[in-house]
Amino acid sequence: MNTTSFKNDIQRGKVGEQIFTEDFLQFLNVEYEDVTGRQGFQLIDSDYLAKIGLYEVKANYKDNKIIIIEEFTNCNEQLGPISYGWFYKSKADMLVFVSKATRAMILIPFTDKFKSHYETIKDSYDLIRNRVTEHNSSYWQSAFRKLPLSAINGYFAYYKKVT
């Protein structure tokens, strides 16, 4: 079975979180708390806590005007119970998609209005299954949709620290 490693996935995500803290939170002097390691915040898919809310950071933006929305943590019944992904679990106030190459960010206020909009357009985009992920002898297979930014015009902001 061709699998991916949960530990490696987490490490790739840490690069995006570092960019977000340096170029956004610290640069704008936003007081924050890194809650990535706290179980209560892991359950609600949130990485940073600030006075203005919770942020969920995704380090998968490739400067291609497409974001990735994970709908299922596990979509494969053979591996375990079907489980919804971060889009349905997150209690974050802001989604942040970070490019590791250019440090650009797509910021989406994670509001009911945005969630409703996504539900009305999602079926226009294929649900794609990831490779099976392995962690501590457990296996699951997530699934996502590639969403072009043009489909969410008016729902996001582009941010990049100019140096």
N, C-alpha and C. Protein backbone atom coordinates (compact mmCIF):
# COMPACT_ATOMS: atom_id res chain seq x y z
N MET A 1 0.85 -1.18 0.00
CA MET A 1 0.00 0.00 0.00
C MET A 1 0.90 1.25 0.00
N ASN A 2 0.65 2.16 -0.90
CA ASN A 2 1.40 3.41 -0.99
C ASN A 2 0.81 4.40 0.02
N THR A 3 1.57 4.71 1.08
CA THR A 3 1.04 5.55 2.15
C THR A 3 1.88 6.81 2.32
N THR A 4 1.33 7.74 3.04
CA THR A 4 2.04 8.95 3.44
C THR A 4 2.16 8.93 4.96
N SER A 5 3.10 9.66 5.49
CA SER A 5 3.34 9.66 6.93
C SER A 5 2.69 10.87 7.59
N PHE A 6 1.91 10.63 8.61
CA PHE A 6 1.27 11.71 9.37
C PHE A 6 2.33 12.65 9.95
N LYS A 7 3.40 12.08 10.47
CA LYS A 7 4.47 12.89 11.05
C LYS A 7 5.08 13.84 10.01
N ASN A 8 5.31 13.34 8.79
CA ASN A 8 5.85 14.19 7.72
C ASN A 8 4.84 15.27 7.32
N ASP A 9 3.56 14.92 7.28
CA ASP A 9 2.53 15.90 6.95
C ASP A 9 2.52 17.04 7.96
N ILE A 10 2.65 16.70 9.23
CA ILE A 10 2.66 17.71 10.30
C ILE A 10 3.88 18.62 10.14
N GLN A 11 5.03 18.04 9.84
CA GLN A 11 6.26 18.84 9.67
C GLN A 11 6.13 19.83 8.52
N ARG A 12 5.50 19.40 7.42
CA ARG A 12 5.29 20.32 6.28
C ARG A 12 4.40 21.48 6.71
N GLY A 13 3.41 21.19 7.52
CA GLY A 13 2.50 22.23 7.99
C GLY A 13 3.18 23.24 8.90
N LYS A 14 4.17 22.79 9.67
CA LYS A 14 4.87 23.68 10.60
C LYS A 14 5.57 24.83 9.86
N VAL A 15 6.05 24.58 8.65
CA VAL A 15 6.70 25.63 7.86
C VAL A 15 5.71 26.76 7.59
N GLY A 16 4.49 26.42 7.20
CA GLY A 16 3.46 27.42 6.96
C GLY A 16 3.08 28.19 8.22
N GLU A 17 3.02 27.48 9.33
CA GLU A 17 2.71 28.13 10.60
C GLU A 17 3.80 29.12 10.97
N GLN A 18 5.05 28.77 10.73
CA GLN A 18 6.16 29.68 11.03
C GLN A 18 6.08 30.94 10.16
N ILE A 19 5.79 30.77 8.88
CA ILE A 19 5.64 31.92 7.99
C ILE A 19 4.50 32.81 8.48
N PHE A 20 3.37 32.21 8.84
CA PHE A 20 2.22 32.97 9.31
C PHE A 20 2.56 33.77 10.57
N THR A 21 3.24 33.15 11.53
CA THR A 21 3.57 33.88 12.76
C THR A 21 4.55 35.01 12.49
N GLU A 22 5.57 34.75 11.67
CA GLU A 22 6.58 35.79 11.40
C GLU A 22 6.04 36.93 10.54
N ASP A 23 5.38 36.60 9.43
CA ASP A 23 4.99 37.61 8.45
C ASP A 23 3.65 38.26 8.75
N PHE A 24 2.82 37.64 9.56
CA PHE A 24 1.50 38.20 9.84
C PHE A 24 1.38 38.59 11.30
N LEU A 25 1.33 37.61 12.19
CA LEU A 25 1.08 37.91 13.60
C LEU A 25 2.16 38.79 14.22
N GLN A 26 3.42 38.40 14.10
CA GLN A 26 4.50 39.18 14.71
C GLN A 26 4.71 40.51 13.98
N PHE A 27 4.66 40.49 12.66
CA PHE A 27 4.87 41.70 11.87
C PHE A 27 3.80 42.75 12.19
N LEU A 28 2.57 42.32 12.39
CA LEU A 28 1.47 43.24 12.69
C LEU A 28 1.28 43.44 14.20
N ASN A 29 2.20 42.91 14.99
CA ASN A 29 2.15 43.02 16.46
C ASN A 29 0.84 42.51 17.05
N VAL A 30 0.36 41.39 16.53
CA VAL A 30 -0.85 40.76 17.05
C VAL A 30 -0.41 39.83 18.19
N GLU A 31 -0.96 40.06 19.38
CA GLU A 31 -0.69 39.15 20.49
C GLU A 31 -1.43 37.85 20.22
N TYR A 32 -0.73 36.74 20.39
CA TYR A 32 -1.32 35.44 20.06
C TYR A 32 -0.74 34.36 20.96
N GLU A 33 -1.43 33.23 20.92
CA GLU A 33 -0.94 32.04 21.61
C GLU A 33 -0.95 30.89 20.61
N ASP A 34 0.16 30.17 20.51
CA ASP A 34 0.25 28.99 19.65
C ASP A 34 -0.43 27.85 20.41
N VAL A 35 -1.55 27.36 19.88
CA VAL A 35 -2.31 26.31 20.56
C VAL A 35 -2.29 25.00 19.77
N THR A 36 -1.34 24.88 18.84
CA THR A 36 -1.29 23.69 17.99
C THR A 36 -1.10 22.39 18.78
N GLY A 37 -0.41 22.45 19.89
CA GLY A 37 -0.15 21.24 20.67
C GLY A 37 -1.18 20.94 21.73
N ARG A 38 -2.21 21.78 21.85
CA ARG A 38 -3.21 21.59 22.90
C ARG A 38 -4.41 20.83 22.35
N GLN A 39 -4.72 19.72 23.01
CA GLN A 39 -5.74 18.80 22.50
C GLN A 39 -7.09 19.47 22.26
N GLY A 40 -7.52 20.32 23.16
CA GLY A 40 -8.82 20.98 23.00
C GLY A 40 -8.90 21.78 21.72
N PHE A 41 -7.80 22.38 21.32
CA PHE A 41 -7.77 23.16 20.09
C PHE A 41 -7.56 22.26 18.88
N GLN A 42 -6.91 21.12 19.05
CA GLN A 42 -6.77 20.17 17.96
C GLN A 42 -8.15 19.62 17.58
N LEU A 43 -9.00 19.42 18.56
CA LEU A 43 -10.34 18.90 18.29
C LEU A 43 -11.18 19.86 17.47
N ILE A 44 -10.91 21.16 17.59
CA ILE A 44 -11.67 22.15 16.83
C ILE A 44 -10.83 22.74 15.70
N ASP A 45 -9.76 22.05 15.33
CA ASP A 45 -8.90 22.43 14.21
C ASP A 45 -8.55 23.90 14.20
N SER A 46 -7.85 24.33 15.24
CA SER A 46 -7.38 25.71 15.33
C SER A 46 -5.94 25.70 15.80
N ASP A 47 -5.13 26.59 15.20
CA ASP A 47 -3.69 26.61 15.48
C ASP A 47 -3.25 27.78 16.37
N TYR A 48 -3.90 28.93 16.22
CA TYR A 48 -3.48 30.13 16.96
C TYR A 48 -4.70 30.82 17.55
N LEU A 49 -4.51 31.34 18.75
CA LEU A 49 -5.56 32.06 19.45
C LEU A 49 -5.09 33.49 19.66
N ALA A 50 -5.90 34.44 19.24
CA ALA A 50 -5.62 35.86 19.43
C ALA A 50 -6.90 36.52 19.94
N LYS A 51 -6.77 37.76 20.39
CA LYS A 51 -7.96 38.47 20.89
C LYS A 51 -9.03 38.57 19.82
N ILE A 52 -8.60 38.61 18.56
CA ILE A 52 -9.57 38.74 17.47
C ILE A 52 -10.03 37.39 16.93
N GLY A 53 -9.64 36.29 17.56
CA GLY A 53 -10.18 35.00 17.17
C GLY A 53 -9.16 33.91 16.99
N LEU A 54 -9.66 32.80 16.43
CA LEU A 54 -8.87 31.60 16.19
C LEU A 54 -8.48 31.52 14.71
N TYR A 55 -7.24 31.10 14.45
CA TYR A 55 -6.74 30.94 13.09
C TYR A 55 -6.43 29.47 12.83
N GLU A 56 -6.81 28.98 11.66
CA GLU A 56 -6.41 27.65 11.19
C GLU A 56 -5.51 27.87 9.98
N VAL A 57 -4.27 27.37 10.06
CA VAL A 57 -3.26 27.62 9.03
C VAL A 57 -3.03 26.35 8.21
N LYS A 58 -3.08 26.50 6.90
CA LYS A 58 -2.83 25.41 5.96
C LYS A 58 -1.66 25.80 5.08
N ALA A 59 -0.64 24.96 5.02
CA ALA A 59 0.58 25.27 4.26
C ALA A 59 0.55 24.58 2.90
N ASN A 60 -0.59 24.65 2.21
CA ASN A 60 -0.69 23.94 0.93
C ASN A 60 -1.00 24.85 -0.25
N TYR A 61 -0.88 26.16 -0.07
CA TYR A 61 -1.14 27.07 -1.19
C TYR A 61 0.09 27.08 -2.09
N LYS A 62 -0.12 26.95 -3.39
CA LYS A 62 0.99 26.84 -4.34
C LYS A 62 1.08 28.03 -5.29
N ASP A 63 0.50 29.18 -4.92
CA ASP A 63 0.51 30.37 -5.77
C ASP A 63 -0.16 30.12 -7.11
N ASN A 64 -1.09 29.19 -7.14
CA ASN A 64 -1.77 28.82 -8.37
C ASN A 64 -3.24 29.23 -8.39
N LYS A 65 -3.63 30.07 -7.45
CA LYS A 65 -5.01 30.55 -7.33
C LYS A 65 -5.99 29.41 -7.07
N ILE A 66 -5.51 28.39 -6.35
CA ILE A 66 -6.35 27.24 -5.95
C ILE A 66 -6.06 26.94 -4.48
N ILE A 67 -7.13 26.73 -3.71
CA ILE A 67 -6.97 26.28 -2.32
C ILE A 67 -7.53 24.87 -2.19
N ILE A 68 -7.11 24.20 -1.14
CA ILE A 68 -7.52 22.82 -0.88
C ILE A 68 -8.45 22.81 0.33
N ILE A 69 -9.65 22.26 0.14
CA ILE A 69 -10.63 22.13 1.22
C ILE A 69 -10.77 20.65 1.56
N GLU A 70 -10.35 20.26 2.77
CA GLU A 70 -10.47 18.86 3.20
C GLU A 70 -11.87 18.62 3.76
N GLU A 71 -12.61 17.76 3.07
CA GLU A 71 -13.97 17.43 3.51
C GLU A 71 -14.01 16.20 4.40
N PHE A 72 -13.07 15.27 4.19
CA PHE A 72 -13.06 14.04 4.98
C PHE A 72 -11.67 13.79 5.54
N THR A 73 -11.60 13.50 6.83
CA THR A 73 -10.37 12.99 7.41
C THR A 73 -10.21 11.54 7.00
N ASN A 74 -11.31 10.80 7.01
CA ASN A 74 -11.31 9.44 6.49
C ASN A 74 -12.56 9.23 5.63
N CYS A 75 -12.32 8.89 4.37
CA CYS A 75 -13.42 8.62 3.43
C CYS A 75 -13.47 7.15 3.04
N ASN A 76 -12.66 6.31 3.68
CA ASN A 76 -12.51 4.92 3.30
C ASN A 76 -13.02 4.02 4.43
N GLU A 77 -14.22 3.48 4.25
CA GLU A 77 -14.83 2.64 5.30
C GLU A 77 -13.99 1.41 5.64
N GLN A 78 -13.16 0.94 4.71
CA GLN A 78 -12.32 -0.23 4.97
C GLN A 78 -11.25 0.08 6.01
N LEU A 79 -10.93 1.37 6.19
CA LEU A 79 -9.89 1.77 7.14
C LEU A 79 -10.47 2.20 8.49
N GLY A 80 -11.76 2.45 8.55
CA GLY A 80 -12.40 2.88 9.79
C GLY A 80 -13.64 3.69 9.50
N PRO A 81 -14.25 4.23 10.54
CA PRO A 81 -15.48 5.01 10.34
C PRO A 81 -15.23 6.25 9.47
N ILE A 82 -16.22 6.60 8.68
CA ILE A 82 -16.14 7.82 7.88
C ILE A 82 -16.08 8.99 8.85
N SER A 83 -15.17 9.93 8.57
CA SER A 83 -14.96 11.07 9.46
C SER A 83 -14.81 12.34 8.63
N TYR A 84 -15.55 13.38 9.00
CA TYR A 84 -15.45 14.66 8.29
C TYR A 84 -14.11 15.33 8.56
N GLY A 85 -13.67 16.13 7.60
CA GLY A 85 -12.39 16.82 7.68
C GLY A 85 -12.48 18.17 8.34
N TRP A 86 -11.37 18.92 8.28
CA TRP A 86 -11.27 20.18 9.01
C TRP A 86 -12.33 21.18 8.59
N PHE A 87 -12.78 21.14 7.34
CA PHE A 87 -13.78 22.12 6.92
C PHE A 87 -15.03 22.03 7.80
N TYR A 88 -15.39 20.83 8.19
CA TYR A 88 -16.60 20.64 9.01
C TYR A 88 -16.31 20.63 10.51
N LYS A 89 -15.05 20.43 10.90
CA LYS A 89 -14.71 20.35 12.32
C LYS A 89 -14.18 21.67 12.89
N SER A 90 -13.57 22.48 12.06
CA SER A 90 -12.87 23.66 12.57
C SER A 90 -13.83 24.69 13.15
N LYS A 91 -13.41 25.25 14.26
CA LYS A 91 -14.13 26.36 14.90
C LYS A 91 -13.34 27.66 14.72
N ALA A 92 -12.36 27.64 13.81
CA ALA A 92 -11.54 28.83 13.57
C ALA A 92 -12.40 29.98 13.04
N ASP A 93 -11.93 31.18 13.29
CA ASP A 93 -12.58 32.37 12.75
C ASP A 93 -11.97 32.77 11.41
N MET A 94 -10.72 32.33 11.19
CA MET A 94 -10.02 32.70 9.96
C MET A 94 -9.23 31.49 9.46
N LEU A 95 -9.39 31.19 8.17
CA LEU A 95 -8.56 30.19 7.50
C LEU A 95 -7.43 30.92 6.82
N VAL A 96 -6.22 30.37 6.92
CA VAL A 96 -5.05 31.00 6.30
C VAL A 96 -4.33 29.94 5.47
N PHE A 97 -4.29 30.14 4.16
CA PHE A 97 -3.59 29.23 3.25
C PHE A 97 -2.28 29.90 2.88
N VAL A 98 -1.15 29.25 3.22
CA VAL A 98 0.18 29.84 3.09
C VAL A 98 0.97 29.17 1.98
N SER A 99 1.64 29.99 1.17
CA SER A 99 2.59 29.49 0.19
C SER A 99 3.97 29.45 0.83
N LYS A 100 4.57 28.27 0.85
CA LYS A 100 5.93 28.16 1.39
C LYS A 100 6.94 28.79 0.42
N ALA A 101 6.63 28.80 -0.87
CA ALA A 101 7.57 29.32 -1.87
C ALA A 101 7.67 30.85 -1.83
N THR A 102 6.51 31.54 -1.75
CA THR A 102 6.52 33.01 -1.84
C THR A 102 6.10 33.70 -0.55
N ARG A 103 5.63 32.93 0.43
CA ARG A 103 5.15 33.44 1.72
C ARG A 103 3.84 34.24 1.57
N ALA A 104 3.19 34.11 0.43
CA ALA A 104 1.89 34.73 0.22
C ALA A 104 0.83 33.97 1.01
N MET A 105 -0.25 34.67 1.38
CA MET A 105 -1.32 34.06 2.17
C MET A 105 -2.68 34.42 1.60
N ILE A 106 -3.56 33.45 1.62
CA ILE A 106 -4.96 33.66 1.30
C ILE A 106 -5.69 33.57 2.64
N LEU A 107 -6.37 34.66 3.02
CA LEU A 107 -7.10 34.70 4.30
C LEU A 107 -8.60 34.68 4.01
N ILE A 108 -9.29 33.74 4.66
CA ILE A 108 -10.73 33.60 4.48
C ILE A 108 -11.41 33.66 5.83
N PRO A 109 -12.22 34.70 6.06
CA PRO A 109 -13.03 34.69 7.28
C PRO A 109 -13.96 33.47 7.22
N PHE A 110 -13.84 32.60 8.21
CA PHE A 110 -14.56 31.32 8.20
C PHE A 110 -15.94 31.52 8.80
N THR A 111 -16.77 32.22 8.07
CA THR A 111 -18.11 32.60 8.52
C THR A 111 -19.17 31.64 8.00
N ASP A 112 -20.35 31.74 8.56
CA ASP A 112 -21.47 30.93 8.07
C ASP A 112 -21.77 31.28 6.61
N LYS A 113 -21.60 32.53 6.25
CA LYS A 113 -21.85 32.96 4.86
C LYS A 113 -20.87 32.25 3.91
N PHE A 114 -19.59 32.19 4.28
CA PHE A 114 -18.62 31.48 3.44
C PHE A 114 -18.94 29.99 3.39
N LYS A 115 -19.24 29.39 4.53
CA LYS A 115 -19.54 27.96 4.57
C LYS A 115 -20.73 27.63 3.68
N SER A 116 -21.78 28.46 3.74
CA SER A 116 -22.96 28.25 2.90
C SER A 116 -22.60 28.36 1.42
N HIS A 117 -21.80 29.36 1.10
CA HIS A 117 -21.37 29.53 -0.29
C HIS A 117 -20.62 28.28 -0.76
N TYR A 118 -19.72 27.78 0.06
CA TYR A 118 -18.96 26.58 -0.31
C TYR A 118 -19.90 25.42 -0.57
N GLU A 119 -20.88 25.23 0.29
CA GLU A 119 -21.82 24.11 0.12
C GLU A 119 -22.58 24.21 -1.21
N THR A 120 -22.84 25.43 -1.68
CA THR A 120 -23.59 25.57 -2.94
C THR A 120 -22.71 25.35 -4.17
N ILE A 121 -21.40 25.47 -4.04
CA ILE A 121 -20.53 25.33 -5.21
C ILE A 121 -19.68 24.06 -5.21
N LYS A 122 -19.55 23.40 -4.10
CA LYS A 122 -18.57 22.31 -3.97
C LYS A 122 -18.77 21.19 -4.97
N ASP A 123 -20.00 20.86 -5.31
CA ASP A 123 -20.24 19.74 -6.22
C ASP A 123 -19.77 20.02 -7.65
N SER A 124 -19.39 21.25 -7.93
CA SER A 124 -18.82 21.58 -9.23
C SER A 124 -17.36 21.16 -9.34
N TYR A 125 -16.78 20.70 -8.22
CA TYR A 125 -15.36 20.34 -8.17
C TYR A 125 -15.24 18.90 -7.66
N ASP A 126 -14.34 18.15 -8.28
CA ASP A 126 -14.17 16.74 -7.94
C ASP A 126 -13.70 16.55 -6.51
N LEU A 127 -14.22 15.52 -5.87
CA LEU A 127 -13.72 15.08 -4.57
C LEU A 127 -12.55 14.14 -4.85
N ILE A 128 -11.38 14.50 -4.37
CA ILE A 128 -10.14 13.77 -4.66
C ILE A 128 -9.68 13.05 -3.39
N ARG A 129 -9.36 11.78 -3.53
CA ARG A 129 -8.87 11.00 -2.39
C ARG A 129 -7.35 11.12 -2.31
N ASN A 130 -6.84 11.40 -1.11
CA ASN A 130 -5.40 11.38 -0.85
C ASN A 130 -4.92 9.94 -0.77
N ARG A 131 -3.60 9.80 -0.75
CA ARG A 131 -3.04 8.48 -0.43
C ARG A 131 -3.41 8.16 1.01
N VAL A 132 -3.39 6.91 1.34
CA VAL A 132 -3.66 6.46 2.71
C VAL A 132 -2.55 6.99 3.61
N THR A 133 -2.93 7.48 4.79
CA THR A 133 -1.99 8.00 5.78
C THR A 133 -1.83 6.97 6.89
N GLU A 134 -0.59 6.82 7.37
CA GLU A 134 -0.30 5.89 8.46
C GLU A 134 0.27 6.66 9.63
N HIS A 135 -0.20 6.32 10.84
CA HIS A 135 0.33 6.90 12.07
C HIS A 135 0.10 5.90 13.19
N ASN A 136 1.18 5.46 13.82
CA ASN A 136 1.11 4.52 14.94
C ASN A 136 0.24 3.30 14.62
N SER A 137 0.45 2.73 13.45
CA SER A 137 -0.27 1.53 12.99
C SER A 137 -1.76 1.78 12.74
N SER A 138 -2.17 3.04 12.67
CA SER A 138 -3.54 3.38 12.27
C SER A 138 -3.48 3.93 10.85
N TYR A 139 -4.55 3.70 10.10
CA TYR A 139 -4.60 4.14 8.71
C TYR A 139 -5.90 4.88 8.45
N TRP A 140 -5.84 5.89 7.58
CA TRP A 140 -7.02 6.60 7.12
C TRP A 140 -6.73 7.20 5.77
N GLN A 141 -7.79 7.65 5.08
CA GLN A 141 -7.64 8.25 3.76
C GLN A 141 -8.51 9.49 3.70
N SER A 142 -7.86 10.64 3.61
CA SER A 142 -8.61 11.89 3.55
C SER A 142 -9.05 12.18 2.12
N ALA A 143 -9.96 13.11 1.98
CA ALA A 143 -10.45 13.51 0.65
C ALA A 143 -10.68 15.02 0.66
N PHE A 144 -10.42 15.64 -0.48
CA PHE A 144 -10.45 17.10 -0.58
C PHE A 144 -10.97 17.55 -1.94
N ARG A 145 -11.24 18.83 -2.03
CA ARG A 145 -11.58 19.45 -3.31
C ARG A 145 -10.61 20.60 -3.56
N LYS A 146 -10.22 20.76 -4.82
CA LYS A 146 -9.41 21.91 -5.23
C LYS A 146 -10.38 22.99 -5.66
N LEU A 147 -10.30 24.12 -4.97
CA LEU A 147 -11.25 25.20 -5.20
C LEU A 147 -10.53 26.42 -5.77
N PRO A 148 -10.88 26.83 -6.98
CA PRO A 148 -10.23 28.02 -7.54
C PRO A 148 -10.69 29.27 -6.79
N LEU A 149 -9.77 30.20 -6.61
CA LEU A 149 -10.12 31.44 -5.92
C LEU A 149 -11.24 32.18 -6.64
N SER A 150 -11.33 32.03 -7.94
CA SER A 150 -12.40 32.70 -8.69
C SER A 150 -13.79 32.26 -8.23
N ALA A 151 -13.89 31.07 -7.64
CA ALA A 151 -15.17 30.56 -7.15
C ALA A 151 -15.57 31.20 -5.82
N ILE A 152 -14.60 31.88 -5.17
CA ILE A 152 -14.91 32.50 -3.87
C ILE A 152 -14.55 33.99 -3.87
N ASN A 153 -14.63 34.61 -5.04
CA ASN A 153 -14.41 36.06 -5.09
C ASN A 153 -15.30 36.76 -4.07
N GLY A 154 -14.72 37.71 -3.36
CA GLY A 154 -15.46 38.43 -2.34
C GLY A 154 -15.42 37.79 -0.97
N TYR A 155 -14.84 36.59 -0.86
CA TYR A 155 -14.78 35.88 0.42
C TYR A 155 -13.37 35.78 0.98
N PHE A 156 -12.37 36.29 0.26
CA PHE A 156 -10.99 36.12 0.72
C PHE A 156 -10.19 37.40 0.51
N ALA A 157 -9.06 37.46 1.20
CA ALA A 157 -8.09 38.54 1.01
C ALA A 157 -6.73 37.90 0.71
N TYR A 158 -5.93 38.60 -0.07
CA TYR A 158 -4.57 38.17 -0.37
C TYR A 158 -3.65 39.01 0.49
N TYR A 159 -2.68 38.37 1.13
CA TYR A 159 -1.75 39.08 1.99
C TYR A 159 -0.34 38.61 1.70
N LYS A 160 0.57 39.56 1.61
CA LYS A 160 1.99 39.24 1.52
C LYS A 160 2.77 40.40 2.10
N LYS A 161 3.62 40.08 3.06
CA LYS A 161 4.49 41.08 3.66
C LYS A 161 5.50 41.52 2.62
N VAL A 162 5.61 42.81 2.42
CA VAL A 162 6.57 43.34 1.46
C VAL A 162 7.84 43.71 2.22
N THR A 163 8.96 43.20 1.75
CA THR A 163 10.23 43.47 2.44
C THR A 163 11.11 44.40 1.64
